């Protein structure tokens, strides 16, 4: 079964929410271990254990800060701009995605 990213408060057609969903679907995919790992890294930033965290993935690079997370396209050819979202919002979306993909495996 294919999943589509969604979370409480997701706004259809919102560019930031669309980018979060694209990042979850293309980069985290349906891999619970990867989602958990990224959640742990976000927690480390938000708890003050580290000041920031970056990870390049398939389509996007994440730059996680305590308040703001940047989702940056890896390939310039896509014509996409970098988008900044509140780190809490990205974390909430990822937590919902993790819960969904942990329930069933494709």
Protein backbone atom coordinates (compact mmCIF):
# COMPACT_ATOMS: atom_id res chain seq x y z
CA UNK A 1 0.00 0.00 0.00
CA UNK A 2 1.35 3.42 -0.96
CA UNK A 3 1.06 6.15 1.63
CA UNK A 4 0.65 9.87 1.12
CA UNK A 5 2.11 12.23 3.70
CA UNK A 6 -0.44 14.02 5.82
CA UNK A 7 -0.55 15.40 9.32
CA UNK A 8 -2.89 17.38 11.54
CA UNK A 9 -2.90 20.95 10.25
CA UNK A 10 -1.56 20.12 6.77
CA UNK A 11 -2.80 22.73 4.32
CA UNK A 12 -3.41 21.53 0.76
CA UNK A 13 -1.75 23.78 -1.80
CA UNK A 14 0.53 25.46 0.75
CA UNK A 15 4.03 25.56 -0.81
CA UNK A 16 5.79 24.84 2.50
CA UNK A 17 3.48 21.94 3.34
CA UNK A 18 3.78 20.59 -0.21
CA UNK A 19 7.58 20.66 0.16
CA UNK A 20 7.45 18.87 3.51
CA UNK A 21 5.21 16.19 1.95
CA UNK A 22 7.54 15.84 -1.05
CA UNK A 23 10.55 15.49 1.23
CA UNK A 24 8.83 12.81 3.29
CA UNK A 25 7.66 10.87 0.24
CA UNK A 26 10.86 11.06 -1.83
CA UNK A 27 13.55 11.11 0.81
CA UNK A 28 12.28 9.44 3.96
CA UNK A 29 10.06 7.16 1.87
CA UNK A 30 8.37 4.28 3.72
CA UNK A 31 11.42 3.49 5.83
CA UNK A 32 10.56 3.77 9.53
CA UNK A 33 14.21 3.47 10.61
CA UNK A 34 15.16 6.48 8.50
CA UNK A 35 12.26 8.51 9.85
CA UNK A 36 13.22 7.61 13.43
CA UNK A 37 16.84 8.54 12.81
CA UNK A 38 15.88 11.96 11.44
CA UNK A 39 13.49 12.48 14.37
CA UNK A 40 16.33 11.69 16.77
CA UNK A 41 18.59 14.21 15.02
CA UNK A 42 15.88 16.88 15.17
CA UNK A 43 15.43 16.16 18.89
CA UNK A 44 19.17 16.61 19.44
CA UNK A 45 18.98 20.05 17.84
CA UNK A 46 15.83 21.08 19.69
CA UNK A 47 17.21 19.83 23.02
CA UNK A 48 20.38 21.89 22.51
CA UNK A 49 22.70 18.89 22.24
CA UNK A 50 23.90 20.28 18.88
CA UNK A 51 23.27 23.68 17.30
CA UNK A 52 22.20 22.36 13.89
CA UNK A 53 22.10 19.26 11.72
CA UNK A 54 22.29 18.78 7.94
CA UNK A 55 21.58 15.83 5.72
CA UNK A 56 21.58 15.47 1.93
CA UNK A 57 19.05 12.99 0.63
CA UNK A 58 17.65 11.88 -2.75
CA UNK A 59 15.89 15.08 -3.76
CA UNK A 60 16.36 17.50 -0.87
CA UNK A 61 18.88 18.62 1.69
CA UNK A 62 17.66 19.32 5.21
CA UNK A 63 19.27 22.02 7.33
CA UNK A 64 17.70 21.72 10.76
CA UNK A 65 17.99 24.54 13.26
CA UNK A 66 16.32 24.97 16.61
CA UNK A 67 13.54 27.15 15.19
CA UNK A 68 13.77 26.87 11.38
CA UNK A 69 14.40 23.98 9.00
CA UNK A 70 15.41 24.63 5.41
CA UNK A 71 14.39 22.14 2.73
CA UNK A 72 16.67 22.73 -0.22
CA UNK A 73 16.47 20.97 -3.59
CA UNK A 74 19.59 18.94 -4.30
CA UNK A 75 19.32 19.49 -8.05
CA UNK A 76 19.19 23.04 -9.41
CA UNK A 77 17.61 21.71 -12.61
CA UNK A 78 14.29 21.26 -10.81
CA UNK A 79 13.84 25.02 -10.63
CA UNK A 80 12.62 24.71 -7.03
CA UNK A 81 13.60 27.30 -4.45
CA UNK A 82 14.72 26.52 -0.93
CA UNK A 83 11.85 26.68 1.54
CA UNK A 84 12.11 27.43 5.25
CA UNK A 85 9.58 25.93 7.66
CA UNK A 86 9.32 25.98 11.43
CA UNK A 87 11.28 23.04 12.81
CA UNK A 88 8.34 22.14 15.06
CA UNK A 89 6.11 21.89 11.98
CA UNK A 90 8.56 19.67 10.11
CA UNK A 91 8.98 17.48 13.19
CA UNK A 92 5.20 17.15 13.63
CA UNK A 93 4.80 16.12 9.99
CA UNK A 94 7.64 13.61 10.29
CA UNK A 95 6.18 12.17 13.50
CA UNK A 96 2.84 11.63 11.74
CA UNK A 97 4.62 10.07 8.75
CA UNK A 98 6.64 7.81 11.05
CA UNK A 99 3.48 6.62 12.81
CA UNK A 100 1.82 5.87 9.46
CA UNK A 101 4.72 4.00 7.87
CA UNK A 102 5.44 2.08 11.07
CA UNK A 103 1.92 0.58 11.03
CA UNK A 104 2.29 -1.28 7.78
CA UNK A 105 5.10 -2.20 5.45
CA UNK A 106 4.79 -2.09 1.65
